[in-house]
Amino acid sequence: MDLAELGALLTPEGLRLLDATDGIRTTAEAAAAVSRLRAAGHSPDLVSAVVGQARLRVKAEAKFGPFAERMLFTRAGLEQATRLSVAARHAARFRAAGSARVADLGCGIGGDALGLAALGIEVDAVDADEVTAAIAAYNLAPFGSQVRVHHGTAQAFDTAAVDAVWLDPARRTAGHSETTRVGAADWSPPLEWVFDLAGRLPAGIKLGPAFDRDALPADAEAQWISVDGSTIELVVWTGALARPGIHRAALVVRGDATHELTAAADAADEPVRDLGAFVHEPDGAVIRARLIGEVARELHAGMLAPGMAYLTGDAAVTSPFVSSFRVREQLPSDVKGLAKALRERGIGTLEIKKRGVDVDPAALRTKLKLKGAESATLLITRIGTRRLTLLADRVG
């Protein structure tokens, strides 16, 4: 979205037209809406803005639920925005630390600021992009003077009056649609500046889950977060926002339920053991936080292979921090032998999971030519140089 489209949209006519446009889910629906609106005499800028927003609101439901119906977005802003349920958890930490006024430096479309404001916290939301800042101002308007939106850089904002900061440095090229990732040296604001500020003020810093662990501040809390099986972010907490004695945390969100594993440091792995009756796959947040050993001890399990994030054991237990599978049997690893074994067992529906092997599950499924009424899970991994193919069933 450019300024001309945003200007056309932020008018009584534009907003009424957007609210009257049903959610657009397909390219064909978008094309039909463009034709209908242009035939009604609306300007090209307004039509482009309305149709684009209608499509984005549909996509935004996954992150913002019913709130998406009254929000505005850019494509890039939506992709990078924090889910509202996660933003609410972040905001709760600020409130618990006694932060009455927080600066959201790099606020994007305002997702995290929404979470903060909803808990009664005063917010200064700052973004360097003019269009993004304007959209954030619209999204945060219901909170009135409790939220102030500023168009400017994070570095230029005076933090003297705030109690804490939330930082989401831009890790992609500038733009509202197609963007590409850039190295830490090109982040905005720069990582060095971010960590310097976080050393002087309590801070929460949103980073990618694959961030270099060696670059983490030694005295900070690092919290990896996953939602419904996808590891979405790493948050570095400093000062009063970091929990005493906790330097590693894995927060696992599944539906409406949340579970957290915390530790003072990386956990030592359990020893490798022979294949047992069960195989457990740790959640991505647990793997990133290097807390696999903590989960293994809870499950009375060991590592299936050195350096491989699969656990195995004989205890019939599971955990919110893993996906568990009951092993049926070991099958051949060559495609011909595997296909024959699956046909003999009548398996027509197959979930394929792999770790540490070069396998394309979609391509393998096509080659297997599955038929039958039975279903199962195929776990493909390796022990040393030997490939291991296990037929299993999900537990729980």
Protein backbone atom coordinates (compact mmCIF):
# COMPACT_ATOMS: atom_id res chain seq x y z
CA MET A 1 0.00 0.00 0.00
CA ASP A 2 1.30 3.48 -0.88
CA LEU A 3 0.31 6.88 0.50
CA ALA A 4 -2.21 7.51 -2.30
CA GLU A 5 -4.06 4.27 -1.57
CA LEU A 6 -3.96 4.88 2.17
CA GLY A 7 -5.28 8.42 1.69
CA ALA A 8 -8.17 7.11 -0.40
CA LEU A 9 -8.95 4.44 2.18
CA LEU A 10 -8.84 6.69 5.24
CA THR A 11 -11.98 8.60 4.28
CA PRO A 12 -15.57 7.99 5.37
CA GLU A 13 -16.34 6.64 1.90
CA GLY A 14 -13.30 4.37 1.85
CA LEU A 15 -13.89 2.88 5.29
CA ARG A 16 -17.60 2.34 4.61
CA LEU A 17 -16.74 0.59 1.36
CA LEU A 18 -14.18 -1.62 3.09
CA ASP A 19 -16.61 -2.62 5.84
CA ALA A 20 -19.21 -3.44 3.20
CA THR A 21 -16.81 -5.65 1.24
CA ASP A 22 -17.02 -9.29 2.28
CA GLY A 23 -13.80 -11.15 3.05
CA ILE A 24 -11.99 -11.98 -0.17
CA ARG A 25 -10.23 -15.34 -0.10
CA THR A 26 -9.33 -16.15 -3.71
CA THR A 27 -7.85 -14.42 -6.73
CA ALA A 28 -11.11 -14.93 -8.60
CA GLU A 29 -13.06 -13.22 -5.80
CA ALA A 30 -10.57 -10.34 -5.83
CA ALA A 31 -10.91 -9.89 -9.60
CA ALA A 32 -14.70 -9.90 -9.35
CA ALA A 33 -14.60 -7.31 -6.55
CA VAL A 34 -12.30 -5.04 -8.57
CA SER A 35 -14.65 -5.20 -11.57
CA ARG A 36 -17.70 -4.50 -9.42
CA LEU A 37 -16.17 -1.55 -7.59
CA ARG A 38 -14.70 0.02 -10.72
CA ALA A 39 -18.07 -0.33 -12.49
CA ALA A 40 -19.63 1.53 -9.55
CA GLY A 41 -17.37 4.48 -10.31
CA HIS A 42 -14.81 4.21 -7.51
CA SER A 43 -11.26 5.44 -8.16
CA PRO A 44 -8.45 2.97 -8.96
CA ASP A 45 -6.56 3.90 -5.76
CA LEU A 46 -9.62 3.30 -3.60
CA VAL A 47 -10.51 0.03 -5.31
CA SER A 48 -6.95 -1.26 -4.96
CA ALA A 49 -6.86 -0.31 -1.28
CA VAL A 50 -10.26 -1.79 -0.44
CA VAL A 51 -9.69 -5.10 -2.21
CA GLY A 52 -6.19 -5.42 -0.77
CA GLN A 53 -7.40 -4.76 2.76
CA ALA A 54 -10.33 -7.14 2.41
CA ARG A 55 -7.91 -9.93 1.50
CA LEU A 56 -5.52 -9.06 4.31
CA ARG A 57 -8.30 -9.01 6.88
CA VAL A 58 -9.12 -12.61 6.02
CA LYS A 59 -5.47 -13.64 6.44
CA ALA A 60 -5.23 -11.65 9.67
CA GLU A 61 -7.95 -13.68 11.38
CA ALA A 62 -5.34 -16.32 12.27
CA LYS A 63 -3.35 -13.77 14.27
CA PHE A 64 -5.96 -11.28 15.45
CA GLY A 65 -9.24 -13.20 15.48
CA PRO A 66 -12.36 -11.02 15.31
CA PHE A 67 -10.28 -7.87 15.90
CA ALA A 68 -9.02 -8.19 12.32
CA GLU A 69 -12.42 -7.01 11.09
CA ARG A 70 -11.71 -3.43 12.16
CA MET A 71 -7.94 -3.27 11.57
CA LEU A 72 -5.82 -2.16 8.65
CA PHE A 73 -2.67 -3.91 7.43
CA THR A 74 0.21 -3.99 5.03
CA ARG A 75 1.18 -7.37 3.68
CA ALA A 76 4.66 -7.21 5.20
CA GLY A 77 3.31 -5.76 8.44
CA LEU A 78 0.86 -8.63 8.86
CA GLU A 79 3.50 -11.27 8.17
CA GLN A 80 5.80 -9.78 10.79
CA ALA A 81 3.14 -8.92 13.40
CA THR A 82 2.98 -10.75 16.72
CA ARG A 83 -0.10 -12.90 17.23
CA LEU A 84 -2.50 -11.11 19.58
CA SER A 85 -2.57 -14.04 22.03
CA VAL A 86 1.23 -13.95 22.28
CA ALA A 87 1.30 -10.15 22.49
CA ALA A 88 -1.07 -10.38 25.45
CA ARG A 89 1.39 -12.66 27.27
CA HIS A 90 4.21 -10.22 26.57
CA ALA A 91 2.07 -7.36 27.88
CA ALA A 92 1.27 -9.29 31.05
CA ARG A 93 4.98 -9.51 31.79
CA PHE A 94 5.35 -5.73 31.47
CA ARG A 95 2.39 -5.20 33.79
CA ALA A 96 3.74 -7.67 36.35
CA ALA A 97 7.06 -5.79 36.35
CA GLY A 98 5.23 -2.54 37.16
CA SER A 99 5.78 -0.89 33.77
CA ALA A 100 3.17 1.86 33.52
CA ARG A 101 4.51 3.39 30.30
CA VAL A 102 6.24 1.42 27.55
CA ALA A 103 7.86 2.50 24.29
CA ASP A 104 7.17 0.10 21.41
CA LEU A 105 10.13 0.87 19.15
CA GLY A 106 9.40 -0.55 15.72
CA CYS A 107 5.70 -0.99 16.34
CA GLY A 108 4.76 -2.11 12.83
CA ILE A 109 0.98 -2.25 12.44
CA GLY A 110 0.59 -2.13 16.24
CA GLY A 111 0.06 -5.75 17.31
CA ASP A 112 2.23 -5.63 20.42
CA ALA A 113 1.02 -2.12 21.29
CA LEU A 114 -2.55 -3.47 21.21
CA GLY A 115 -1.63 -6.08 23.81
CA LEU A 116 0.03 -3.49 26.05
CA ALA A 117 -2.79 -0.95 25.79
CA ALA A 118 -5.43 -3.60 26.47
CA LEU A 119 -3.85 -4.11 29.92
CA GLY A 120 -4.01 -0.40 30.73
CA ILE A 121 -0.37 0.39 29.95
CA GLU A 122 0.46 3.73 28.34
CA VAL A 123 2.22 3.18 25.02
CA ASP A 124 4.46 5.25 22.78
CA ALA A 125 4.39 3.38 19.47
CA VAL A 126 7.18 4.34 17.06
CA ASP A 127 7.75 3.32 13.45
CA ALA A 128 10.12 4.71 10.83
CA ASP A 129 7.78 4.05 7.90
CA GLU A 130 5.13 6.70 7.30
CA VAL A 131 2.44 4.39 5.93
CA THR A 132 3.00 1.78 8.65
CA ALA A 133 2.86 4.43 11.38
CA ALA A 134 -0.42 5.75 9.96
CA ILE A 135 -1.91 2.25 9.94
CA ALA A 136 -0.75 1.70 13.52
CA ALA A 137 -2.43 4.97 14.51
CA TYR A 138 -5.70 3.75 13.00
CA ASN A 139 -5.47 0.35 14.70
CA LEU A 140 -4.69 1.91 18.07
CA ALA A 141 -7.20 4.79 17.84
CA PRO A 142 -9.78 3.10 20.15
CA PHE A 143 -7.38 3.62 23.07
CA GLY A 144 -7.38 7.40 22.65
CA SER A 145 -4.68 9.33 24.49
CA GLN A 146 -3.44 6.19 26.24
CA VAL A 147 -1.46 5.43 23.06
CA ARG A 148 0.68 7.92 21.16
CA VAL A 149 1.93 6.92 17.71
CA HIS A 150 5.13 8.56 16.44
CA HIS A 151 6.55 8.54 12.91
CA GLY A 152 10.31 8.37 13.40
CA THR A 153 13.25 6.11 14.10
CA ALA A 154 13.73 4.16 17.30
CA GLN A 155 17.09 5.84 17.84
CA ALA A 156 15.53 9.32 17.72
CA PHE A 157 12.84 8.60 20.31
CA ASP A 158 13.51 9.98 23.79
CA THR A 159 13.02 7.13 26.27
CA ALA A 160 13.51 9.28 29.38
CA ALA A 161 9.82 9.16 30.33
CA VAL A 162 9.17 5.43 29.82
CA ASP A 163 9.61 2.55 32.27
CA ALA A 164 10.53 -0.10 29.72
CA VAL A 165 10.86 -0.73 25.99
CA TRP A 166 9.66 -3.33 23.53
CA LEU A 167 11.95 -3.64 20.50
CA ASP A 168 11.21 -5.42 17.26
CA PRO A 169 14.14 -4.53 14.99
CA ALA A 170 13.35 -4.75 11.27
CA ARG A 171 15.17 -7.82 9.98
CA ARG A 172 13.98 -7.44 6.38
CA THR A 173 14.34 -4.86 3.63
CA ALA A 174 11.95 -1.91 3.76
CA GLY A 175 8.62 -2.24 1.99
CA HIS A 176 4.95 -3.07 2.40
CA SER A 177 4.70 -6.26 0.32
CA GLU A 178 7.69 -8.32 -0.90
CA THR A 179 10.68 -8.07 1.45
CA THR A 180 13.86 -10.10 1.97
CA ARG A 181 15.86 -10.92 5.07
CA VAL A 182 19.02 -8.95 5.82
CA GLY A 183 21.99 -9.64 8.09
CA ALA A 184 22.16 -8.34 11.66
CA ALA A 185 24.51 -5.56 10.56
CA ASP A 186 21.70 -4.11 8.44
CA TRP A 187 18.86 -4.39 10.97
CA SER A 188 16.90 -1.27 11.84
CA PRO A 189 17.63 -0.26 14.54
CA PRO A 190 21.08 -1.93 14.60
CA LEU A 191 21.46 -4.87 16.97
CA GLU A 192 24.33 -3.22 18.84
CA TRP A 193 22.14 -0.20 19.61
CA VAL A 194 19.24 -2.46 20.64
CA PHE A 195 21.35 -4.43 23.14
CA ASP A 196 22.91 -1.23 24.49
CA LEU A 197 19.47 0.24 25.21
CA ALA A 198 18.32 -3.06 26.75
CA GLY A 199 21.26 -2.85 29.11
CA ARG A 200 20.03 0.52 30.38
CA LEU A 201 16.25 -0.03 30.43
CA PRO A 202 14.12 -3.11 31.08
CA ALA A 203 13.42 -4.49 27.63
CA GLY A 204 11.76 -7.18 25.63
CA ILE A 205 13.44 -7.80 22.26
CA LYS A 206 11.67 -9.82 19.58
CA LEU A 207 14.08 -11.79 17.39
CA GLY A 208 13.88 -14.69 14.97
CA PRO A 209 13.99 -18.15 16.59
CA ALA A 210 17.21 -19.02 14.75
CA PHE A 211 19.09 -16.03 16.18
CA ASP A 212 22.76 -16.73 16.96
CA ARG A 213 22.80 -17.96 20.57
CA ASP A 214 26.40 -16.83 21.00
CA ALA A 215 25.25 -13.22 20.52
CA LEU A 216 22.72 -13.34 23.38
CA PRO A 217 23.47 -11.12 26.40
CA ALA A 218 24.82 -13.33 29.18
CA ASP A 219 22.56 -11.87 31.89
CA ALA A 220 19.31 -11.91 29.88
CA GLU A 221 16.42 -14.38 29.76
CA ALA A 222 15.99 -16.00 26.34
CA GLN A 223 12.46 -17.29 25.71
CA TRP A 224 11.64 -19.27 22.57
CA ILE A 225 7.95 -19.40 21.66
CA SER A 226 6.03 -21.85 19.50
CA VAL A 227 2.37 -21.74 18.48
CA ASP A 228 0.58 -24.89 17.31
CA GLY A 229 3.83 -26.60 16.40
CA SER A 230 5.53 -23.67 14.65
CA THR A 231 8.42 -21.92 16.43
CA ILE A 232 7.66 -18.27 15.78
CA GLU A 233 10.04 -16.10 17.78
CA LEU A 234 12.73 -15.62 20.39
CA VAL A 235 12.22 -12.90 22.99
CA VAL A 236 15.18 -11.61 24.97
CA TRP A 237 14.11 -10.11 28.31
CA THR A 238 16.37 -7.82 30.32
CA GLY A 239 16.31 -5.91 33.60
CA ALA A 240 13.14 -6.21 35.70
CA LEU A 241 11.41 -8.06 32.83
CA ALA A 242 13.79 -11.03 33.10
CA ARG A 243 12.78 -13.61 35.68
CA PRO A 244 15.39 -14.25 38.38
CA GLY A 245 17.43 -17.40 37.86
CA ILE A 246 15.93 -18.11 34.42
CA HIS A 247 18.10 -17.81 31.31
CA ARG A 248 16.40 -20.38 29.06
CA ALA A 249 12.67 -20.82 28.50
CA ALA A 250 10.45 -22.64 26.01
CA LEU A 251 6.86 -21.41 25.81
CA VAL A 252 4.58 -23.82 23.96
CA VAL A 253 1.14 -22.57 22.90
CA ARG A 254 -1.33 -25.12 21.58
CA GLY A 255 -4.82 -23.79 20.96
CA ASP A 256 -5.93 -22.06 24.15
CA ALA A 257 -3.44 -23.95 26.33
CA THR A 258 0.06 -22.75 27.21
CA HIS A 259 2.92 -24.63 28.81
CA GLU A 260 6.39 -23.40 29.72
CA LEU A 261 9.67 -25.08 30.49
CA THR A 262 12.34 -22.96 32.19
CA ALA A 263 15.93 -23.46 33.34
CA ALA A 264 18.95 -21.53 34.54
CA ALA A 265 21.02 -22.73 31.57
CA ASP A 266 21.09 -25.14 28.65
CA ALA A 267 20.14 -28.64 29.80
CA ALA A 268 22.52 -31.55 29.37
CA ASP A 269 21.20 -34.24 27.03
CA GLU A 270 20.39 -37.71 28.31
CA PRO A 271 22.62 -40.53 27.00
CA VAL A 272 21.81 -42.33 23.77
CA ARG A 273 19.82 -45.53 24.27
CA ASP A 274 18.43 -48.32 22.11
CA LEU A 275 15.08 -47.85 20.38
CA GLY A 276 12.23 -48.28 22.85
CA ALA A 277 8.49 -48.67 22.53
CA PHE A 278 8.01 -44.92 22.05
CA VAL A 279 9.66 -42.11 20.11
CA HIS A 280 9.16 -38.49 21.18
CA GLU A 281 9.78 -35.44 19.01
CA PRO A 282 10.47 -32.32 21.14
CA ASP A 283 8.66 -29.12 20.26
CA GLY A 284 10.74 -26.66 18.24
CA ALA A 285 10.86 -24.16 21.12
CA VAL A 286 12.31 -26.86 23.38
CA ILE A 287 14.93 -27.73 20.78
CA ARG A 288 15.91 -24.08 20.25
CA ALA A 289 16.12 -23.49 24.00
CA ARG A 290 18.29 -26.62 24.35
CA LEU A 291 16.07 -28.08 27.02
CA ILE A 292 15.66 -31.50 25.42
CA GLY A 293 17.41 -33.14 28.36
CA GLU A 294 14.84 -31.73 30.80
CA VAL A 295 12.02 -33.28 28.77
CA ALA A 296 13.88 -36.57 28.36
CA ARG A 297 14.22 -36.97 32.11
CA GLU A 298 10.53 -36.25 32.59
CA LEU A 299 9.67 -38.99 30.08
CA HIS A 300 12.26 -41.49 31.34
CA ALA A 301 13.72 -41.42 27.84
CA GLY A 302 17.10 -41.05 26.18
CA MET A 303 18.44 -39.75 22.88
CA LEU A 304 17.73 -41.97 19.90
CA ALA A 305 21.00 -40.91 18.26
CA PRO A 306 23.79 -38.42 18.97
CA GLY A 307 22.85 -34.89 17.91
CA MET A 308 19.39 -35.99 16.73
CA ALA A 309 16.35 -34.38 18.37
CA TYR A 310 14.38 -37.59 18.80
CA LEU A 311 13.91 -39.22 22.20
CA THR A 312 13.05 -42.84 22.85
CA GLY A 313 11.93 -44.85 25.86
CA ASP A 314 9.57 -47.55 27.09
CA ALA A 315 7.43 -45.51 29.51
CA ALA A 316 3.86 -44.94 28.30
CA VAL A 317 3.93 -41.22 29.07
CA THR A 318 3.88 -38.04 27.03
CA SER A 319 4.21 -34.29 27.61
CA PRO A 320 2.98 -30.96 26.19
CA PHE A 321 6.58 -30.38 25.10
CA VAL A 322 6.72 -33.32 22.69
CA SER A 323 4.78 -35.17 20.04
CA SER A 324 4.78 -38.84 21.04
CA PHE A 325 4.58 -41.93 18.83
CA ARG A 326 4.14 -45.60 19.71
CA VAL A 327 6.49 -47.63 17.52
CA ARG A 328 4.88 -50.47 15.58
CA GLU A 329 7.93 -51.79 13.76
CA GLN A 330 10.97 -50.95 11.70
CA LEU A 331 10.43 -50.97 7.93
CA PRO A 332 12.80 -51.05 4.95
CA SER A 333 14.31 -47.69 4.06
CA ASP A 334 14.47 -48.22 0.28
CA VAL A 335 11.42 -46.91 -1.57
CA LYS A 336 10.53 -50.23 -3.23
CA GLY A 337 10.68 -52.23 -0.01
CA LEU A 338 8.89 -49.53 1.95
CA ALA A 339 6.06 -49.27 -0.58
CA LYS A 340 5.58 -53.04 -0.50
CA ALA A 341 5.47 -53.10 3.32
CA LEU A 342 2.90 -50.29 3.46
CA ARG A 343 0.67 -51.97 0.85
CA GLU A 344 0.75 -55.21 2.82
CA ARG A 345 -0.45 -53.28 5.88
CA GLY A 346 -3.22 -51.48 3.97
CA ILE A 347 -1.92 -48.00 4.82
CA GLY A 348 -3.40 -45.35 2.58
CA THR A 349 -2.99 -42.30 4.80
CA LEU A 350 0.55 -41.63 5.95
CA GLU A 351 2.04 -38.77 7.95
CA ILE A 352 5.74 -38.56 7.13
CA LYS A 353 8.16 -36.97 9.59
CA LYS A 354 11.90 -36.81 9.09
CA ARG A 355 14.92 -35.54 10.94
CA GLY A 356 18.56 -35.59 9.88
CA VAL A 357 17.91 -37.14 6.46
CA ASP A 358 17.54 -35.70 2.98
CA VAL A 359 13.95 -36.71 2.26
CA ASP A 360 11.15 -34.74 0.62
CA PRO A 361 8.00 -36.10 2.32
CA ALA A 362 5.70 -34.96 -0.51
CA ALA A 363 7.85 -36.59 -3.18
CA LEU A 364 8.23 -39.77 -1.14
CA ARG A 365 4.47 -40.01 -0.59
CA THR A 366 3.95 -39.84 -4.36
CA LYS A 367 6.49 -42.60 -5.00
CA LEU A 368 4.90 -44.87 -2.38
CA LYS A 369 1.52 -44.91 -4.22
CA LEU A 370 -0.40 -45.46 -1.01
CA LYS A 371 -3.65 -47.43 -0.97
CA GLY A 372 -5.77 -48.73 1.86
CA ALA A 373 -8.05 -47.73 4.71
CA GLU A 374 -5.42 -47.68 7.48
CA SER A 375 -3.40 -44.67 8.67
CA ALA A 376 -0.06 -44.30 10.44
CA THR A 377 3.00 -42.10 10.89
CA LEU A 378 6.36 -42.77 9.28
CA LEU A 379 9.42 -41.55 11.19
CA ILE A 380 12.59 -41.35 9.11
CA THR A 381 15.91 -40.52 10.75
CA ARG A 382 19.44 -41.90 11.00
CA ILE A 383 21.70 -43.42 13.58
CA GLY A 384 25.22 -42.62 12.47
CA THR A 385 25.28 -43.45 8.75
CA ARG A 386 22.39 -45.93 8.99
CA ARG A 387 18.91 -44.77 7.98
CA LEU A 388 16.11 -45.76 10.32
CA THR A 389 12.49 -45.97 9.09
CA LEU A 390 9.84 -46.55 11.73
CA LEU A 391 6.12 -47.17 11.38
CA ALA A 392 4.33 -45.60 14.34
CA ASP A 393 1.07 -44.21 15.70
CA ARG A 394 0.58 -40.83 17.33
CA VAL A 395 -0.12 -40.88 21.06
CA GLY A 396 -2.54 -38.39 22.63
